[in-house]
């Protein structure tokens, strides 16, 4: 027998499951001075890279026996880059207690998902996937196209998509993308692809003469000369994992 009972729905609120993508900071050291220095080197010249993104602090990469963490100072440091720390996982009992006292929510069951090769939505360095069913993927963004030369001091950031540059990127200019970077002209400035952790991103240039190349945080500067016969040639740059860490691999593209 089936019985239907009349239900009462509150008029002022409802409670539903929700998904919240988080940027995850995998902390490898308790030295906040060194962390501040490396954050400045990576994001200091990209003030709008983060936009009040919620953040999970993952302490599991810390070496065993790592000391305490000044969480108020860490929260303040990250807030300077428009990050909003709200959760923590993976620390020792003492570290987790200190994090809780600083207002962070312990989420021991949270798991991290590697960045996806496709850019259906703007990826973060690491995404937190809640247990609830994910929402339908958003329509992919088209590439950001720049058809004018970029002078020294200019910067272009393609958030959540590829970047296509149809003119020269001069020394001192920066091109940044969460996806691939295509430069159909000489690339003499800095190029940072996969800026939010997409390890499948690549850099393509018709004439590679870059000051700096970076994919998902792995970088090479002009202090290390390009391999012989590669400077000024049509080249692709990709990230290849290895036993000794990820490496940038460059290949001259044939006509």
Protein backbone atom coordinates (compact mmCIF):
# COMPACT_ATOMS: atom_id res chain seq x y z
CA UNK A 1 0.00 0.00 0.00
CA UNK A 2 1.28 3.47 -0.91
CA UNK A 3 0.49 6.39 1.37
CA UNK A 4 1.14 10.03 0.47
CA UNK A 5 1.63 12.35 3.42
CA UNK A 6 1.23 16.07 3.21
CA UNK A 7 4.54 17.88 3.72
CA UNK A 8 5.28 21.39 4.83
CA UNK A 9 8.05 23.36 3.09
CA UNK A 10 9.68 26.22 5.02
CA UNK A 11 8.77 29.52 3.44
CA UNK A 12 12.05 31.26 4.28
CA UNK A 13 14.77 28.78 3.29
CA UNK A 14 15.77 25.54 1.59
CA UNK A 15 18.80 23.32 2.16
CA UNK A 16 20.36 21.64 -0.88
CA UNK A 17 23.65 20.03 -1.82
CA UNK A 18 26.13 22.29 -3.57
CA UNK A 19 29.48 22.01 -5.32
CA UNK A 20 32.29 24.44 -4.58
CA UNK A 21 35.48 24.30 -6.66
CA UNK A 22 38.51 25.19 -4.57
CA UNK A 23 42.03 26.15 -5.42
CA UNK A 24 44.36 23.92 -3.41
CA UNK A 25 47.68 25.06 -1.98
CA UNK A 26 49.94 22.05 -1.51
CA UNK A 27 52.24 23.37 1.20
CA UNK A 28 55.75 21.87 1.09
CA UNK A 29 57.42 24.04 3.73
CA UNK A 30 56.48 25.85 6.92
CA UNK A 31 58.85 28.71 6.01
CA UNK A 32 56.38 31.50 5.23
CA UNK A 33 59.18 33.92 4.31
CA UNK A 34 60.27 31.58 1.52
CA UNK A 35 56.64 31.03 0.54
CA UNK A 36 56.06 34.79 0.30
CA UNK A 37 59.14 35.17 -1.87
CA UNK A 38 58.08 32.41 -4.28
CA UNK A 39 54.48 33.66 -4.46
CA UNK A 40 55.77 37.11 -5.36
CA UNK A 41 58.02 35.64 -8.05
CA UNK A 42 55.15 33.60 -9.52
CA UNK A 43 52.14 35.90 -9.12
CA UNK A 44 53.47 39.31 -8.16
CA UNK A 45 53.09 40.70 -11.67
CA UNK A 46 49.69 39.06 -12.26
CA UNK A 47 47.48 40.89 -9.73
CA UNK A 48 44.20 39.54 -11.17
CA UNK A 49 45.28 35.90 -11.46
CA UNK A 50 43.03 34.92 -8.54
CA UNK A 51 39.66 36.53 -7.92
CA UNK A 52 38.56 35.78 -4.35
CA UNK A 53 38.98 32.06 -5.06
CA UNK A 54 38.17 29.77 -2.14
CA UNK A 55 41.27 27.84 -1.05
CA UNK A 56 42.05 24.48 0.54
CA UNK A 57 45.39 24.29 2.37
CA UNK A 58 46.77 20.77 1.92
CA UNK A 59 49.49 20.01 4.49
CA UNK A 60 50.14 16.43 3.40
CA UNK A 61 53.25 17.32 1.30
CA UNK A 62 55.03 18.66 4.42
CA UNK A 63 57.97 16.52 5.57
CA UNK A 64 57.37 14.28 8.56
CA UNK A 65 58.02 16.12 11.81
CA UNK A 66 57.51 19.57 10.28
CA UNK A 67 56.97 22.19 12.93
CA UNK A 68 54.06 24.48 13.60
CA UNK A 69 52.53 26.88 11.10
CA UNK A 70 51.53 30.48 11.76
CA UNK A 71 48.08 30.12 10.19
CA UNK A 72 46.94 33.74 10.76
CA UNK A 73 50.08 34.90 8.92
CA UNK A 74 49.52 32.31 6.18
CA UNK A 75 45.90 33.40 5.74
CA UNK A 76 46.97 37.03 5.56
CA UNK A 77 49.70 36.22 3.03
CA UNK A 78 47.31 34.33 0.76
CA UNK A 79 44.67 37.02 1.13
CA UNK A 80 47.12 39.45 -0.43
CA UNK A 81 46.77 37.43 -3.64
CA UNK A 82 42.94 37.47 -3.50
CA UNK A 83 42.77 33.91 -2.17
CA UNK A 84 40.29 33.03 0.59
CA UNK A 85 41.51 30.08 2.71
CA UNK A 86 38.53 28.21 4.12
CA UNK A 87 39.64 24.60 4.67
CA UNK A 88 42.65 22.47 5.63
CA UNK A 89 43.63 18.82 5.45
CA UNK A 90 46.57 16.48 5.89
CA UNK A 91 48.34 18.04 8.87
CA UNK A 92 49.47 16.65 12.21
CA UNK A 93 47.02 16.85 15.14
CA UNK A 94 48.83 19.95 16.41
CA UNK A 95 48.77 21.62 12.98
CA UNK A 96 45.10 20.82 12.47
CA UNK A 97 44.24 22.21 15.91
CA UNK A 98 46.09 25.42 15.11
CA UNK A 99 44.32 25.65 11.75
CA UNK A 100 40.93 25.19 13.40
CA UNK A 101 41.74 27.91 15.91
CA UNK A 102 42.57 30.21 12.98
CA UNK A 103 39.13 29.59 11.48
CA UNK A 104 39.92 26.93 8.86
CA UNK A 105 37.53 24.01 8.46
CA UNK A 106 39.12 20.51 8.68
CA UNK A 107 38.15 18.43 5.62
CA UNK A 108 40.08 15.14 5.96
CA UNK A 109 37.98 13.40 3.30
CA UNK A 110 38.59 15.99 0.60
CA UNK A 111 40.50 14.67 -2.40
CA UNK A 112 42.37 16.43 -5.14
CA UNK A 113 41.84 15.93 -8.83
CA UNK A 114 44.57 16.50 -11.41
CA UNK A 115 43.87 19.26 -13.96
CA UNK A 116 42.01 18.11 -17.04
CA UNK A 117 43.60 18.39 -20.49
CA UNK A 118 40.48 20.05 -21.89
CA UNK A 119 39.42 23.47 -20.66
CA UNK A 120 35.69 23.05 -20.36
CA UNK A 121 35.85 25.44 -17.42
CA UNK A 122 38.68 27.60 -16.04
CA UNK A 123 40.85 25.09 -14.15
CA UNK A 124 42.77 25.81 -10.98
CA UNK A 125 46.16 24.33 -10.08
CA UNK A 126 44.22 21.64 -8.28
CA UNK A 127 40.45 21.23 -8.05
CA UNK A 128 38.56 19.87 -5.08
CA UNK A 129 35.77 17.54 -6.11
CA UNK A 130 33.01 17.19 -3.49
CA UNK A 131 31.09 13.96 -3.04
CA UNK A 132 27.98 15.49 -4.59
CA UNK A 133 27.35 14.91 -8.28
CA UNK A 134 29.18 17.51 -10.40
CA UNK A 135 27.17 20.05 -12.38
CA UNK A 136 26.93 19.90 -16.13
CA UNK A 137 30.12 21.29 -17.74
CA UNK A 138 29.99 24.84 -19.00
CA UNK A 139 30.43 25.58 -22.67
CA UNK A 140 34.13 25.92 -23.47
CA UNK A 141 35.47 29.41 -23.96
CA UNK A 142 36.97 30.31 -27.32
CA UNK A 143 40.60 31.32 -27.57
CA UNK A 144 41.60 34.89 -26.78
CA UNK A 145 43.06 36.35 -29.99
CA UNK A 146 45.55 39.25 -29.96
CA UNK A 147 46.42 40.72 -33.36
CA UNK A 148 48.73 43.56 -32.33
CA UNK A 149 52.40 43.42 -31.32
CA UNK A 150 53.02 43.31 -27.56
CA UNK A 151 55.60 45.81 -26.37
CA UNK A 152 57.88 45.55 -23.34
CA UNK A 153 55.85 45.85 -20.14
CA UNK A 154 52.58 44.70 -21.70
CA UNK A 155 50.85 41.58 -20.38
CA UNK A 156 47.98 39.47 -21.70
CA UNK A 157 46.29 36.74 -19.64
CA UNK A 158 43.79 34.30 -21.19
CA UNK A 159 41.88 33.10 -18.13
CA UNK A 160 40.37 29.66 -18.63
CA UNK A 161 41.21 29.38 -22.32
CA UNK A 162 43.90 29.34 -25.00
CA UNK A 163 45.76 32.40 -26.20
CA UNK A 164 46.49 33.11 -29.88
CA UNK A 165 48.90 35.94 -30.72
CA UNK A 166 49.18 36.95 -34.37
CA UNK A 167 52.00 39.47 -33.93
CA UNK A 168 55.39 39.71 -32.27
CA UNK A 169 55.78 39.32 -28.51
CA UNK A 170 58.71 41.63 -27.80
CA UNK A 171 61.26 41.20 -25.03
CA UNK A 172 59.79 42.33 -21.72
CA UNK A 173 56.20 41.44 -22.70
CA UNK A 174 54.29 38.56 -21.11
CA UNK A 175 51.71 36.17 -22.54
CA UNK A 176 49.88 33.94 -20.04
CA UNK A 177 47.13 31.38 -20.57
CA UNK A 178 45.40 28.67 -18.59
CA UNK A 179 45.46 26.63 -21.81
CA UNK A 180 47.78 26.58 -24.83
CA UNK A 181 49.71 29.57 -26.19
CA UNK A 182 50.08 30.01 -29.96
CA UNK A 183 52.35 32.79 -31.21
CA UNK A 184 52.31 33.11 -35.00
CA UNK A 185 55.29 35.44 -34.93
CA UNK A 186 58.60 35.77 -33.06
CA UNK A 187 58.24 35.06 -29.33
CA UNK A 188 60.89 37.11 -27.51
CA UNK A 189 59.21 37.82 -24.17
CA UNK A 190 57.81 35.51 -21.50
CA UNK A 191 55.25 32.77 -22.22
CA UNK A 192 53.45 30.90 -19.42
CA UNK A 193 50.97 28.21 -20.51
CA UNK A 194 48.87 26.02 -18.21
CA UNK A 195 49.10 28.83 -15.67
CA UNK A 196 46.60 27.19 -13.32
CA UNK A 197 48.17 23.76 -13.43
CA UNK A 198 47.14 22.30 -16.79
CA UNK A 199 50.08 20.00 -17.47
CA UNK A 200 48.75 19.19 -20.96
CA UNK A 201 49.12 22.79 -22.14
CA UNK A 202 51.70 23.59 -24.82
CA UNK A 203 53.47 26.62 -26.27
CA UNK A 204 53.80 27.07 -30.04
CA UNK A 205 55.80 29.78 -31.78
CA UNK A 206 56.90 30.42 -35.36
CA UNK A 207 60.20 31.85 -34.08
CA UNK A 208 61.21 30.88 -30.55
CA UNK A 209 63.53 33.40 -28.87
CA UNK A 210 61.80 33.59 -25.47
CA UNK A 211 63.17 35.10 -22.27
CA UNK A 212 61.14 32.63 -20.21
CA UNK A 213 59.02 29.57 -20.97
CA UNK A 214 56.73 27.98 -18.39
CA UNK A 215 54.12 25.21 -18.40
CA UNK A 216 52.17 24.47 -15.21
CA UNK A 217 54.85 26.18 -13.12
CA UNK A 218 57.84 24.33 -14.64
CA UNK A 219 59.97 26.98 -16.27
CA UNK A 220 63.13 27.66 -18.26
CA UNK A 221 64.77 31.07 -18.53
CA UNK A 222 67.12 32.61 -21.08
CA UNK A 223 69.98 31.91 -18.67
CA UNK A 224 69.87 28.42 -20.18
CA UNK A 225 70.38 28.85 -23.94
CA UNK A 226 68.06 27.08 -26.35
CA UNK A 227 69.40 23.87 -27.89
CA UNK A 228 71.57 24.40 -30.99
CA UNK A 229 69.62 25.05 -34.16
CA UNK A 230 66.39 25.85 -32.33
CA UNK A 231 66.59 29.62 -31.78
CA UNK A 232 64.34 31.46 -34.19
CA UNK A 233 62.77 28.27 -35.52
CA UNK A 234 59.08 27.16 -35.43
CA UNK A 235 58.95 25.26 -32.15
CA UNK A 236 56.52 23.60 -29.77
CA UNK A 237 57.16 23.30 -26.04
CA UNK A 238 55.49 20.64 -23.89
CA UNK A 239 55.79 19.20 -20.40
CA UNK A 240 56.99 15.62 -20.05
CA UNK A 241 56.97 13.79 -16.69
CA UNK A 242 60.05 11.86 -15.61
CA UNK A 243 61.57 10.03 -12.67
CA UNK A 244 63.56 13.12 -11.74
CA UNK A 245 60.63 15.51 -12.13
CA UNK A 246 58.76 17.16 -14.97
CA UNK A 247 60.81 18.69 -17.77
CA UNK A 248 60.14 21.08 -20.63
CA UNK A 249 60.74 19.41 -23.97
CA UNK A 250 61.15 21.46 -27.18
CA UNK A 251 60.70 20.22 -30.71
CA UNK A 252 61.32 22.09 -33.96
CA UNK A 253 58.21 21.86 -36.13
CA UNK A 254 58.75 20.94 -39.75
CA UNK A 255 57.09 22.96 -42.49
